[in-house]
Amino acid sequence: MAKKKGKKMDPDALLEAYIEDCKLQNMTMESIRHYQTSLNIFIQYLNRHEISPLDLSMDTLRDFLSYLMEERKVKFKTLENYFSVLSSFYDYLMFEEYVDNNLVLPFRKRYLKRYKNGHEQSTRQLLSVEQLSALVSAVMDPRDKAMILLLAKTGIRRGEMLKLDVSDINWTEGSAMLKPTPKRSNRRVFFDDEASRALQRWMRVRDKLGTTTDALFVSYQTGSRLSRNAAWKAIVNPAIKLGFHNPDSDKFEDHFGPHCLRHWFTTHLIRSGMPREHVKELRGDRRAEAIDIYHHIDAAELRRMYLSYIPKLRI
């Protein structure tokens, strides 16, 4: 194959080609949107300084890092995300032979280690059972309470929850059938009586809204499927009031968001003594080895185990 290095390419064309490559890799649309947003900011920065993405240098990376920190006031975790995306972008450019190497890799190693600038290795915030009970009890809105309980009691992701339709809920079994995604193997998740009661209270409110959409969770204002941002606010705002989320902190462990509920689900099931293979099945983790494809846990057994080990919030 002829080398493409040195060939003049429009930055927007490179970005468009990279996004198409992401789609071929079966990345989720959420991840692709995130990557595109980060890269648009990077490309705009290069354009202002009349630098081609194919002429990247360490000086340019240092200048871009300073720009993010000083002008955009980006927090440390977001900085890591920016340069993770850049690294993926330049891996693609290497694969397509537009560049000879990926300068972002050594740059990240030197400048973005967590111990630099006083950043210790941190972990996602974990609420105790009592703290989560307090959070749920503090939420008066039946829709928001149902969302928090469903996320905590099933371990599903925010995007998976928002794609649920009313018809996906099996009220008799206490389960939900998720839409297919590249990240998930097992699509059936279970919920207990606490989540069921909250969902049924929400359904009574939802029925009075007169919405025509099939979505389980809808906007009060429009009656349409609830947005990701609205769901985020519904979870984070009460967490701020109870001191579980500090938006002004750049420490990972001071933040509480929807994914912390998946972390809560996983950690407390394991701490309760549930076998890890059952937890992995409930989480829908992708099967890593060929033998895993042939390993199935009986659904009735999985439900029985789930109801035995899922913590009760006593709400």
C-alpha atoms as a PDB file:
ATOM      1  CA  MET A   1       0.000   0.000   0.000  1.00  0.00           C
ATOM      2  CA  ALA A   2       1.325   3.433  -0.893  1.00  0.00           C
ATOM      3  CA  LYS A   3       2.114   5.693   2.026  1.00  0.00           C
ATOM      4  CA  LYS A   4      -0.429   8.461   2.589  1.00  0.00           C
ATOM      5  CA  LYS A   5       1.889  10.403   4.879  1.00  0.00           C
ATOM      6  CA  GLY A   6       2.437  13.900   3.610  1.00  0.00           C
ATOM      7  CA  LYS A   7      -0.776  13.879   1.587  1.00  0.00           C
ATOM      8  CA  LYS A   8      -2.840  17.006   2.199  1.00  0.00           C
ATOM      9  CA  MET A   9      -6.208  16.164   3.680  1.00  0.00           C
ATOM     10  CA  ASP A  10      -9.013  18.424   4.805  1.00  0.00           C
ATOM     11  CA  PRO A  11      -9.317  18.089   8.630  1.00  0.00           C
ATOM     12  CA  ASP A  12     -13.081  17.729   8.412  1.00  0.00           C
ATOM     13  CA  ALA A  13     -12.671  14.917   5.879  1.00  0.00           C
ATOM     14  CA  LEU A  14     -10.272  13.118   8.229  1.00  0.00           C
ATOM     15  CA  LEU A  15     -12.727  13.482  11.073  1.00  0.00           C
ATOM     16  CA  GLU A  16     -15.609  12.233   8.934  1.00  0.00           C
ATOM     17  CA  ALA A  17     -13.581   9.198   7.841  1.00  0.00           C
ATOM     18  CA  TYR A  18     -12.669   8.451  11.455  1.00  0.00           C
ATOM     19  CA  ILE A  19     -16.319   8.616  12.544  1.00  0.00           C
ATOM     20  CA  GLU A  20     -17.226   6.144   9.796  1.00  0.00           C
ATOM     21  CA  ASP A  21     -14.465   3.876  11.099  1.00  0.00           C
ATOM     22  CA  CYS A  22     -15.977   4.094  14.600  1.00  0.00           C
ATOM     23  CA  LYS A  23     -19.317   2.973  13.172  1.00  0.00           C
ATOM     24  CA  LEU A  24     -17.646   0.013  11.463  1.00  0.00           C
ATOM     25  CA  GLN A  25     -16.183  -0.941  14.849  1.00  0.00           C
ATOM     26  CA  ASN A  26     -19.769  -1.083  16.134  1.00  0.00           C
ATOM     27  CA  MET A  27     -19.211   1.630  18.719  1.00  0.00           C
ATOM     28  CA  THR A  28     -22.333   2.970  20.387  1.00  0.00           C
ATOM     29  CA  MET A  29     -23.848   6.191  19.049  1.00  0.00           C
ATOM     30  CA  GLU A  30     -23.347   7.743  22.478  1.00  0.00           C
ATOM     31  CA  SER A  31     -19.593   7.069  22.325  1.00  0.00           C
ATOM     32  CA  ILE A  32     -19.386   8.330  18.751  1.00  0.00           C
ATOM     33  CA  ARG A  33     -21.124  11.592  19.707  1.00  0.00           C
ATOM     34  CA  HIS A  34     -18.698  12.043  22.576  1.00  0.00           C
ATOM     35  CA  TYR A  35     -15.686  11.373  20.343  1.00  0.00           C
ATOM     36  CA  GLN A  36     -16.961  13.730  17.653  1.00  0.00           C
ATOM     37  CA  THR A  37     -17.546  16.566  20.123  1.00  0.00           C
ATOM     38  CA  SER A  38     -14.036  16.269  21.581  1.00  0.00           C
ATOM     39  CA  LEU A  39     -12.415  16.062  18.158  1.00  0.00           C
ATOM     40  CA  ASN A  40     -14.392  19.042  16.840  1.00  0.00           C
ATOM     41  CA  ILE A  41     -12.896  21.174  19.612  1.00  0.00           C
ATOM     42  CA  PHE A  42      -9.424  19.849  18.788  1.00  0.00           C
ATOM     43  CA  ILE A  43      -9.827  20.483  15.039  1.00  0.00           C
ATOM     44  CA  GLN A  44     -11.151  23.996  15.672  1.00  0.00           C
ATOM     45  CA  TYR A  45      -8.108  24.694  17.845  1.00  0.00           C
ATOM     46  CA  LEU A  46      -5.748  23.462  15.112  1.00  0.00           C
ATOM     47  CA  ASN A  47      -7.554  25.504  12.451  1.00  0.00           C
ATOM     48  CA  ARG A  48      -7.164  28.707  14.452  1.00  0.00           C
ATOM     49  CA  HIS A  49      -3.426  28.094  14.578  1.00  0.00           C
ATOM     50  CA  GLU A  50      -3.275  26.906  10.957  1.00  0.00           C
ATOM     51  CA  ILE A  51      -1.974  23.459  11.917  1.00  0.00           C
ATOM     52  CA  SER A  52      -2.921  20.296  10.074  1.00  0.00           C
ATOM     53  CA  PRO A  53      -3.829  17.228  12.175  1.00  0.00           C
ATOM     54  CA  LEU A  54      -1.176  15.404  10.126  1.00  0.00           C
ATOM     55  CA  ASP A  55       1.513  17.808  11.348  1.00  0.00           C
ATOM     56  CA  LEU A  56       0.985  17.197  15.049  1.00  0.00           C
ATOM     57  CA  SER A  57       3.930  17.882  17.351  1.00  0.00           C
ATOM     58  CA  MET A  58       4.567  17.616  21.075  1.00  0.00           C
ATOM     59  CA  ASP A  59       4.534  21.405  21.274  1.00  0.00           C
ATOM     60  CA  THR A  60       1.062  21.478  19.744  1.00  0.00           C
ATOM     61  CA  LEU A  61      -0.164  18.888  22.244  1.00  0.00           C
ATOM     62  CA  ARG A  62       1.314  20.881  25.125  1.00  0.00           C
ATOM     63  CA  ASP A  63      -0.336  24.049  23.843  1.00  0.00           C
ATOM     64  CA  PHE A  64      -3.671  22.273  23.452  1.00  0.00           C
ATOM     65  CA  LEU A  65      -3.417  20.928  27.014  1.00  0.00           C
ATOM     66  CA  SER A  66      -2.764  24.461  28.293  1.00  0.00           C
ATOM     67  CA  TYR A  67      -5.703  25.768  26.257  1.00  0.00           C
ATOM     68  CA  LEU A  68      -8.051  23.189  27.796  1.00  0.00           C
ATOM     69  CA  MET A  69      -6.832  23.876  31.318  1.00  0.00           C
ATOM     70  CA  GLU A  70      -6.515  27.671  31.240  1.00  0.00           C
ATOM     71  CA  GLU A  71      -9.124  28.861  28.754  1.00  0.00           C
ATOM     72  CA  ARG A  72     -11.800  26.175  28.835  1.00  0.00           C
ATOM     73  CA  LYS A  73     -11.195  25.423  32.549  1.00  0.00           C
ATOM     74  CA  VAL A  74     -11.505  21.694  31.892  1.00  0.00           C
ATOM     75  CA  LYS A  75     -11.297  19.440  34.939  1.00  0.00           C
ATOM     76  CA  PHE A  76      -8.738  16.676  35.198  1.00  0.00           C
ATOM     77  CA  LYS A  77     -11.049  13.763  34.436  1.00  0.00           C
ATOM     78  CA  THR A  78     -12.301  15.550  31.315  1.00  0.00           C
ATOM     79  CA  LEU A  79      -8.704  16.193  30.244  1.00  0.00           C
ATOM     80  CA  GLU A  80      -8.079  12.460  30.398  1.00  0.00           C
ATOM     81  CA  ASN A  81     -11.135  11.868  28.226  1.00  0.00           C
ATOM     82  CA  TYR A  82      -9.991  14.412  25.622  1.00  0.00           C
ATOM     83  CA  PHE A  83      -6.596  12.799  25.214  1.00  0.00           C
ATOM     84  CA  SER A  84      -8.029   9.289  25.225  1.00  0.00           C
ATOM     85  CA  VAL A  85     -10.143  10.322  22.217  1.00  0.00           C
ATOM     86  CA  LEU A  86      -7.123  11.943  20.545  1.00  0.00           C
ATOM     87  CA  SER A  87      -5.133   8.759  21.032  1.00  0.00           C
ATOM     88  CA  SER A  88      -7.873   6.748  19.317  1.00  0.00           C
ATOM     89  CA  PHE A  89      -8.003   9.261  16.462  1.00  0.00           C
ATOM     90  CA  TYR A  90      -4.261   9.043  15.856  1.00  0.00           C
ATOM     91  CA  ASP A  91      -4.347   5.255  16.083  1.00  0.00           C
ATOM     92  CA  TYR A  92      -6.758   5.429  13.149  1.00  0.00           C
ATOM     93  CA  LEU A  93      -4.463   7.817  11.250  1.00  0.00           C
ATOM     94  CA  MET A  94      -1.577   5.410  11.814  1.00  0.00           C
ATOM     95  CA  PHE A  95      -3.678   2.476  10.601  1.00  0.00           C
ATOM     96  CA  GLU A  96      -4.549   4.408   7.437  1.00  0.00           C
ATOM     97  CA  GLU A  97      -0.853   5.391   7.076  1.00  0.00           C
ATOM     98  CA  TYR A  98      -1.452   9.133   7.238  1.00  0.00           C
ATOM     99  CA  VAL A  99       1.086   9.403  10.092  1.00  0.00           C
ATOM    100  CA  ASP A 100       4.026   7.281  11.183  1.00  0.00           C
ATOM    101  CA  ASN A 101       3.371   7.265  14.918  1.00  0.00           C
ATOM    102  CA  ASN A 102       0.934   8.241  17.626  1.00  0.00           C
ATOM    103  CA  LEU A 103       2.472  11.072  19.638  1.00  0.00           C
ATOM    104  CA  VAL A 104      -0.498  11.164  21.981  1.00  0.00           C
ATOM    105  CA  LEU A 105       0.543   7.925  23.706  1.00  0.00           C
ATOM    106  CA  PRO A 106       3.860   9.159  25.179  1.00  0.00           C
ATOM    107  CA  PHE A 107       2.277  12.563  25.822  1.00  0.00           C
ATOM    108  CA  ARG A 108      -0.459  11.016  27.986  1.00  0.00           C
ATOM    109  CA  LYS A 109       2.103   8.962  29.875  1.00  0.00           C
ATOM    110  CA  ARG A 110       4.135  12.043  30.720  1.00  0.00           C
ATOM    111  CA  TYR A 111       1.466  14.655  31.423  1.00  0.00           C
ATOM    112  CA  LEU A 112      -1.751  12.895  32.396  1.00  0.00           C
ATOM    113  CA  LYS A 113      -0.817  10.408  35.075  1.00  0.00           C
ATOM    114  CA  ARG A 114      -3.171  10.793  38.020  1.00  0.00           C
ATOM    115  CA  TYR A 115      -0.408  11.275  40.547  1.00  0.00           C
ATOM    116  CA  LYS A 116       0.735  14.400  38.682  1.00  0.00           C
ATOM    117  CA  ASN A 117      -0.385  17.741  40.110  1.00  0.00           C
ATOM    118  CA  GLY A 118      -1.696  16.129  43.281  1.00  0.00           C
ATOM    119  CA  HIS A 119      -4.242  13.835  41.645  1.00  0.00           C
ATOM    120  CA  GLU A 120      -4.326  10.498  43.433  1.00  0.00           C
ATOM    121  CA  GLN A 121      -5.757   7.370  41.910  1.00  0.00           C
ATOM    122  CA  SER A 122      -9.490   7.625  42.565  1.00  0.00           C
ATOM    123  CA  THR A 123     -12.482   5.368  42.354  1.00  0.00           C
ATOM    124  CA  ARG A 124     -16.125   5.900  41.508  1.00  0.00           C
ATOM    125  CA  GLN A 125     -18.205   7.005  44.496  1.00  0.00           C
ATOM    126  CA  LEU A 126     -20.017   4.190  46.293  1.00  0.00           C
ATOM    127  CA  LEU A 127     -23.017   4.951  48.494  1.00  0.00           C
ATOM    128  CA  SER A 128     -23.907   2.703  51.379  1.00  0.00           C
ATOM    129  CA  VAL A 129     -27.313   1.034  51.425  1.00  0.00           C
ATOM    130  CA  GLU A 130     -28.415   3.608  54.017  1.00  0.00           C
ATOM    131  CA  GLN A 131     -27.186   6.531  51.916  1.00  0.00           C
ATOM    132  CA  LEU A 132     -28.983   5.312  48.806  1.00  0.00           C
ATOM    133  CA  SER A 133     -32.127   4.823  50.875  1.00  0.00           C
ATOM    134  CA  ALA A 134     -31.831   8.453  52.003  1.00  0.00           C
ATOM    135  CA  LEU A 135     -31.366   9.598  48.402  1.00  0.00           C
ATOM    136  CA  VAL A 136     -34.427   7.725  47.151  1.00  0.00           C
ATOM    137  CA  SER A 137     -36.516   8.938  50.106  1.00  0.00           C
ATOM    138  CA  ALA A 138     -35.529  12.540  49.369  1.00  0.00           C
ATOM    139  CA  VAL A 139     -36.913  12.357  45.818  1.00  0.00           C
ATOM    140  CA  MET A 140     -40.602  13.289  45.729  1.00  0.00           C
ATOM    141  CA  ASP A 141     -41.172  13.087  41.976  1.00  0.00           C
ATOM    142  CA  PRO A 142     -42.553   9.584  41.176  1.00  0.00           C
ATOM    143  CA  ARG A 143     -40.808   9.431  37.786  1.00  0.00           C
ATOM    144  CA  ASP A 144     -37.407  10.377  39.166  1.00  0.00           C
ATOM    145  CA  LYS A 145     -37.767   8.043  42.146  1.00  0.00           C
ATOM    146  CA  ALA A 146     -38.673   5.181  39.804  1.00  0.00           C
ATOM    147  CA  MET A 147     -35.649   5.885  37.583  1.00  0.00           C
ATOM    148  CA  ILE A 148     -33.206   5.900  40.491  1.00  0.00           C
ATOM    149  CA  LEU A 149     -34.627   2.669  41.892  1.00  0.00           C
ATOM    150  CA  LEU A 150     -34.659   0.966  38.497  1.00  0.00           C
ATOM    151  CA  LEU A 151     -31.018   1.881  37.832  1.00  0.00           C
ATOM    152  CA  ALA A 152     -29.923   0.809  41.311  1.00  0.00           C
ATOM    153  CA  LYS A 153     -31.900  -2.436  41.405  1.00  0.00           C
ATOM    154  CA  THR A 154     -31.027  -3.602  37.864  1.00  0.00           C
ATOM    155  CA  GLY A 155     -27.551  -2.157  37.253  1.00  0.00           C
ATOM    156  CA  ILE A 156     -28.535  -1.055  33.745  1.00  0.00           C
ATOM    157  CA  ARG A 157     -26.987   1.964  32.051  1.00  0.00           C
ATOM    158  CA  ARG A 158     -28.800   5.269  31.676  1.00  0.00           C
ATOM    159  CA  GLY A 159     -29.074   4.843  27.903  1.00  0.00           C
ATOM    160  CA  GLU A 160     -30.515   1.339  28.288  1.00  0.00           C
ATOM    161  CA  MET A 161     -33.117   2.647  30.729  1.00  0.00           C
ATOM    162  CA  LEU A 162     -34.177   5.520  28.486  1.00  0.00           C
ATOM    163  CA  LYS A 163     -34.735   3.159  25.539  1.00  0.00           C
ATOM    164  CA  LEU A 164     -37.194   1.039  27.526  1.00  0.00           C
ATOM    165  CA  ASP A 165     -40.815   0.979  26.358  1.00  0.00           C
ATOM    166  CA  VAL A 166     -43.789   0.157  28.563  1.00  0.00           C
ATOM    167  CA  SER A 167     -44.197  -3.127  26.676  1.00  0.00           C
ATOM    168  CA  ASP A 168     -40.658  -4.149  27.712  1.00  0.00           C
ATOM    169  CA  ILE A 169     -41.773  -4.509  31.344  1.00  0.00           C
ATOM    170  CA  ASN A 170     -42.977  -7.898  32.573  1.00  0.00           C
ATOM    171  CA  TRP A 171     -44.911  -6.961  35.694  1.00  0.00           C
ATOM    172  CA  THR A 172     -45.697 -10.552  36.675  1.00  0.00           C
ATOM    173  CA  GLU A 173     -42.070 -11.702  36.596  1.00  0.00           C
ATOM    174  CA  GLY A 174     -40.590  -8.389  37.740  1.00  0.00           C
ATOM    175  CA  SER A 175     -38.266  -8.039  34.768  1.00  0.00           C
ATOM    176  CA  ALA A 176     -37.425  -5.770  31.857  1.00  0.00           C
ATOM    177  CA  MET A 177     -36.237  -6.755  28.373  1.00  0.00           C
ATOM    178  CA  LEU A 178     -33.613  -4.299  27.194  1.00  0.00           C
ATOM    179  CA  LYS A 179     -33.036  -3.247  23.605  1.00  0.00           C
ATOM    180  CA  PRO A 180     -30.018  -4.917  21.932  1.00  0.00           C
ATOM    181  CA  THR A 181     -26.709  -3.035  22.266  1.00  0.00           C
ATOM    182  CA  PRO A 182     -23.104  -3.929  21.376  1.00  0.00           C
ATOM    183  CA  LYS A 183     -22.109  -3.690  25.055  1.00  0.00           C
ATOM    184  CA  ARG A 184     -24.606  -6.195  26.445  1.00  0.00           C
ATOM    185  CA  SER A 185     -25.021  -9.968  26.269  1.00  0.00           C
ATOM    186  CA  ASN A 186     -27.925 -10.810  28.592  1.00  0.00           C
ATOM    187  CA  ARG A 187     -30.850  -8.454  27.874  1.00  0.00           C
ATOM    188  CA  ARG A 188     -33.263  -9.572  30.600  1.00  0.00           C
ATOM    189  CA  VAL A 189     -32.868  -7.836  33.953  1.00  0.00           C
ATOM    190  CA  PHE A 190     -34.887  -8.292  37.125  1.00  0.00           C
ATOM    191  CA  PHE A 191     -36.196  -5.823  39.681  1.00  0.00           C
ATOM    192  CA  ASP A 192     -37.581  -6.366  43.162  1.00  0.00           C
ATOM    193  CA  ASP A 193     -40.805  -5.279  44.853  1.00  0.00           C
ATOM    194  CA  GLU A 194     -39.352  -1.903  45.914  1.00  0.00           C
ATOM    195  CA  ALA A 195     -38.603  -0.966  42.321  1.00  0.00           C
ATOM    196  CA  SER A 196     -41.888  -2.473  41.166  1.00  0.00           C
ATOM    197  CA  ARG A 197     -43.942  -0.317  43.532  1.00  0.00           C
ATOM    198  CA  ALA A 198     -42.105   2.820  42.410  1.00  0.00           C
ATOM    199  CA  LEU A 199     -42.597   1.935  38.743  1.00  0.00           C
ATOM    200  CA  GLN A 200     -46.299   1.306  39.243  1.00  0.00           C
ATOM    201  CA  ARG A 201     -46.725   4.661  41.009  1.00  0.00           C
ATOM    202  CA  TRP A 202     -44.986   6.323  38.063  1.00  0.00           C
ATOM    203  CA  MET A 203     -47.202   4.473  35.584  1.00  0.00           C
ATOM    204  CA  ARG A 204     -50.318   5.889  37.255  1.00  0.00           C
ATOM    205  CA  VAL A 205     -48.901   9.395  36.800  1.00  0.00           C
ATOM    206  CA  ARG A 206     -47.722   8.627  33.260  1.00  0.00           C
ATOM    207  CA  ASP A 207     -51.176   7.426  32.227  1.00  0.00           C
ATOM    208  CA  LYS A 208     -52.661  10.797  33.190  1.00  0.00           C
ATOM    209  CA  LEU A 209     -50.221  12.696  30.950  1.00  0.00           C
ATOM    210  CA  GLY A 210     -51.934  11.471  27.799  1.00  0.00           C
ATOM    211  CA  THR A 211     -48.639  10.735  26.076  1.00  0.00           C
ATOM    212  CA  THR A 212     -48.741   8.846  22.781  1.00  0.00           C
ATOM    213  CA  THR A 213     -45.164   7.569  22.920  1.00  0.00           C
ATOM    214  CA  ASP A 214     -44.309   4.003  23.920  1.00  0.00           C
ATOM    215  CA  ALA A 215     -41.433   5.176  26.115  1.00  0.00           C
ATOM    216  CA  LEU A 216     -41.448   4.104  29.757  1.00  0.00           C
ATOM    217  CA  PHE A 217     -40.005   7.419  30.954  1.00  0.00           C
ATOM    218  CA  VAL A 218     -41.297  10.602  29.349  1.00  0.00           C
ATOM    219  CA  SER A 219     -40.914  14.360  29.698  1.00  0.00           C
ATOM    220  CA  TYR A 220     -43.625  16.196  31.620  1.00  0.00           C
ATOM    221  CA  GLN A 221     -43.282  19.145  29.244  1.00  0.00           C
ATOM    222  CA  THR A 222     -43.399  17.413  25.862  1.00  0.00           C
ATOM    223  CA  GLY A 223     -44.745  13.940  26.580  1.00  0.00           C
ATOM    224  CA  SER A 224     -41.916  12.514  24.469  1.00  0.00           C
ATOM    225  CA  ARG A 225     -39.165  10.081  25.496  1.00  0.00           C
ATOM    226  CA  LEU A 226     -37.061  11.545  28.291  1.00  0.00           C
ATOM    227  CA  SER A 227     -33.657  12.925  27.269  1.00  0.00           C
ATOM    228  CA  ARG A 228     -30.297  11.831  28.660  1.00  0.00           C
ATOM    229  CA  ASN A 229     -29.694  15.271  30.159  1.00  0.00           C
ATOM    230  CA  ALA A 230     -33.065  15.339  31.919  1.00  0.00           C
ATOM    231  CA  ALA A 231     -32.409  11.902  33.421  1.00  0.00           C
ATOM    232  CA  TRP A 232     -28.963  13.043  34.561  1.00  0.00           C
ATOM    233  CA  LYS A 233     -30.406  16.093  36.326  1.00  0.00           C
ATOM    234  CA  ALA A 234     -33.097  13.991  37.983  1.00  0.00           C
ATOM    235  CA  ILE A 235     -30.392  11.881  39.627  1.00  0.00           C
ATOM    236  CA  VAL A 236     -27.675  14.461  40.264  1.00  0.00           C
ATOM    237  CA  ASN A 237     -29.768  17.312  41.685  1.00  0.00           C
ATOM    238  CA  PRO A 238     -30.971  15.395  44.768  1.00  0.00           C
ATOM    239  CA  ALA A 239     -27.451  14.000  45.183  1.00  0.00           C
ATOM    240  CA  ILE A 240     -26.144  17.588  45.376  1.00  0.00           C
ATOM    241  CA  LYS A 241     -28.672  18.464  48.105  1.00  0.00           C
ATOM    242  CA  LEU A 242     -27.589  15.482  50.209  1.00  0.00           C
ATOM    243  CA  GLY A 243     -23.884  16.190  49.710  1.00  0.00           C
ATOM    244  CA  PHE A 244     -23.188  13.125  47.564  1.00  0.00           C
ATOM    245  CA  HIS A 245     -22.233  15.146  44.480  1.00  0.00           C
ATOM    246  CA  ASN A 246     -19.894  18.150  44.459  1.00  0.00           C
ATOM    247  CA  PRO A 247     -19.963  19.759  40.985  1.00  0.00           C
ATOM    248  CA  ASP A 248     -17.076  22.072  41.910  1.00  0.00           C
ATOM    249  CA  SER A 249     -14.652  19.268  42.774  1.00  0.00           C
ATOM    250  CA  ASP A 250     -12.259  17.795  40.222  1.00  0.00           C
ATOM    251  CA  LYS A 251     -11.994  14.578  42.239  1.00  0.00           C
ATOM    252  CA  PHE A 252     -13.712  11.621  40.613  1.00  0.00           C
ATOM    253  CA  GLU A 253     -14.910  10.266  43.952  1.00  0.00           C
ATOM    254  CA  ASP A 254     -16.729  13.531  44.781  1.00  0.00           C
ATOM    255  CA  HIS A 255     -19.102  13.118  41.846  1.00  0.00           C
ATOM    256  CA  PHE A 256     -22.306  11.087  41.778  1.00  0.00           C
ATOM    257  CA  GLY A 257     -24.084  10.287  38.531  1.00  0.00           C
ATOM    258  CA  PRO A 258     -26.218   7.578  36.920  1.00  0.00           C
ATOM    259  CA  HIS A 259     -23.296   5.177  36.465  1.00  0.00           C
ATOM    260  CA  CYS A 260     -22.665   5.236  40.225  1.00  0.00           C
ATOM    261  CA  LEU A 261     -25.947   3.349  40.571  1.00  0.00           C
ATOM    262  CA  ARG A 262     -24.559   0.549  38.360  1.00  0.00           C
ATOM    263  CA  HIS A 263     -21.471   0.573  40.592  1.00  0.00           C
ATOM    264  CA  TRP A 264     -23.730   0.366  43.669  1.00  0.00           C
ATOM    265  CA  PHE A 265     -25.642  -2.575  42.180  1.00  0.00           C
ATOM    266  CA  THR A 266     -22.495  -4.536  41.346  1.00  0.00           C
ATOM    267  CA  THR A 267     -20.589  -3.870  44.563  1.00  0.00           C
ATOM    268  CA  HIS A 268     -23.425  -4.580  46.967  1.00  0.00           C
ATOM    269  CA  LEU A 269     -24.435  -7.794  45.220  1.00  0.00           C
ATOM    270  CA  ILE A 270     -20.847  -9.024  45.503  1.00  0.00           C
ATOM    271  CA  ARG A 271     -20.635  -7.895  49.128  1.00  0.00           C
ATOM    272  CA  SER A 272     -23.888  -9.737  49.840  1.00  0.00           C
ATOM    273  CA  GLY A 273     -22.201 -12.935  48.660  1.00  0.00           C
ATOM    274  CA  MET A 274     -23.718 -13.393  45.216  1.00  0.00           C
ATOM    275  CA  PRO A 275     -21.447 -15.508  42.959  1.00  0.00           C
ATOM    276  CA  ARG A 276     -19.551 -13.348  40.485  1.00  0.00           C
ATOM    277  CA  GLU A 277     -20.760 -15.273  37.436  1.00  0.00           C
ATOM    278  CA  HIS A 278     -24.342 -14.438  38.399  1.00  0.00           C
ATOM    279  CA  VAL A 279     -23.447 -10.769  38.911  1.00  0.00           C
ATOM    280  CA  LYS A 280     -21.771 -10.683  35.492  1.00  0.00           C
ATOM    281  CA  GLU A 281     -24.855 -12.210  33.895  1.00  0.00           C
ATOM    282  CA  LEU A 282     -27.131  -9.641  35.531  1.00  0.00           C
ATOM    283  CA  ARG A 283     -24.825  -6.830  34.416  1.00  0.00           C
ATOM    284  CA  GLY A 284     -24.913  -8.156  30.859  1.00  0.00           C
ATOM    285  CA  ASP A 285     -21.126  -8.097  30.571  1.00  0.00           C
ATOM    286  CA  ARG A 286     -19.889  -9.186  27.168  1.00  0.00           C
ATOM    287  CA  ARG A 287     -18.579 -12.726  27.182  1.00  0.00           C
ATOM    288  CA  ALA A 288     -14.814 -12.592  26.924  1.00  0.00           C
ATOM    289  CA  GLU A 289     -14.002 -16.145  25.861  1.00  0.00           C
ATOM    290  CA  ALA A 290     -15.448 -18.587  23.354  1.00  0.00           C
ATOM    291  CA  ILE A 291     -16.436 -20.985  26.134  1.00  0.00           C
ATOM    292  CA  ASP A 292     -18.598 -18.238  27.690  1.00  0.00           C
ATOM    293  CA  ILE A 293     -20.895 -18.338  24.661  1.00  0.00           C
ATOM    294  CA  TYR A 294     -21.951 -21.855  25.667  1.00  0.00           C
ATOM    295  CA  HIS A 295     -22.314 -21.019  29.358  1.00  0.00           C
ATOM    296  CA  HIS A 296     -25.874 -20.059  30.243  1.00  0.00           C
ATOM    297  CA  ILE A 297     -27.399 -19.463  33.660  1.00  0.00           C
ATOM    298  CA  ASP A 298     -31.019 -20.564  33.967  1.00  0.00           C
ATOM    299  CA  ALA A 299     -33.275 -17.483  34.060  1.00  0.00           C
ATOM    300  CA  ALA A 300     -35.425 -18.793  36.920  1.00  0.00           C
ATOM    301  CA  GLU A 301     -32.315 -19.550  38.974  1.00  0.00           C
ATOM    302  CA  LEU A 302     -30.858 -16.136  38.172  1.00  0.00           C
ATOM    303  CA  ARG A 303     -34.066 -14.412  39.299  1.00  0.00           C
ATOM    304  CA  ARG A 304     -34.156 -16.446  42.530  1.00  0.00           C
ATOM    305  CA  MET A 305     -30.529 -15.572  43.268  1.00  0.00           C
ATOM    306  CA  TYR A 306     -31.131 -11.921  42.441  1.00  0.00           C
ATOM    307  CA  LEU A 307     -34.084 -11.598  44.830  1.00  0.00           C
ATOM    308  CA  SER A 308     -32.050 -13.318  47.552  1.00  0.00           C
ATOM    309  CA  TYR A 309     -29.089 -10.968  47.326  1.00  0.00           C
ATOM    310  CA  ILE A 310     -30.296  -7.545  46.158  1.00  0.00           C
ATOM    311  CA  PRO A 311     -30.177  -5.124  49.122  1.00  0.00           C
ATOM    312  CA  LYS A 312     -33.441  -3.758  50.481  1.00  0.00           C
ATOM    313  CA  LEU A 313     -33.647  -0.002  51.008  1.00  0.00           C
ATOM    314  CA  ARG A 314     -36.616  -0.180  53.393  1.00  0.00           C
ATOM    315  CA  ILE A 315     -38.389   2.719  51.753  1.00  0.00           C
END
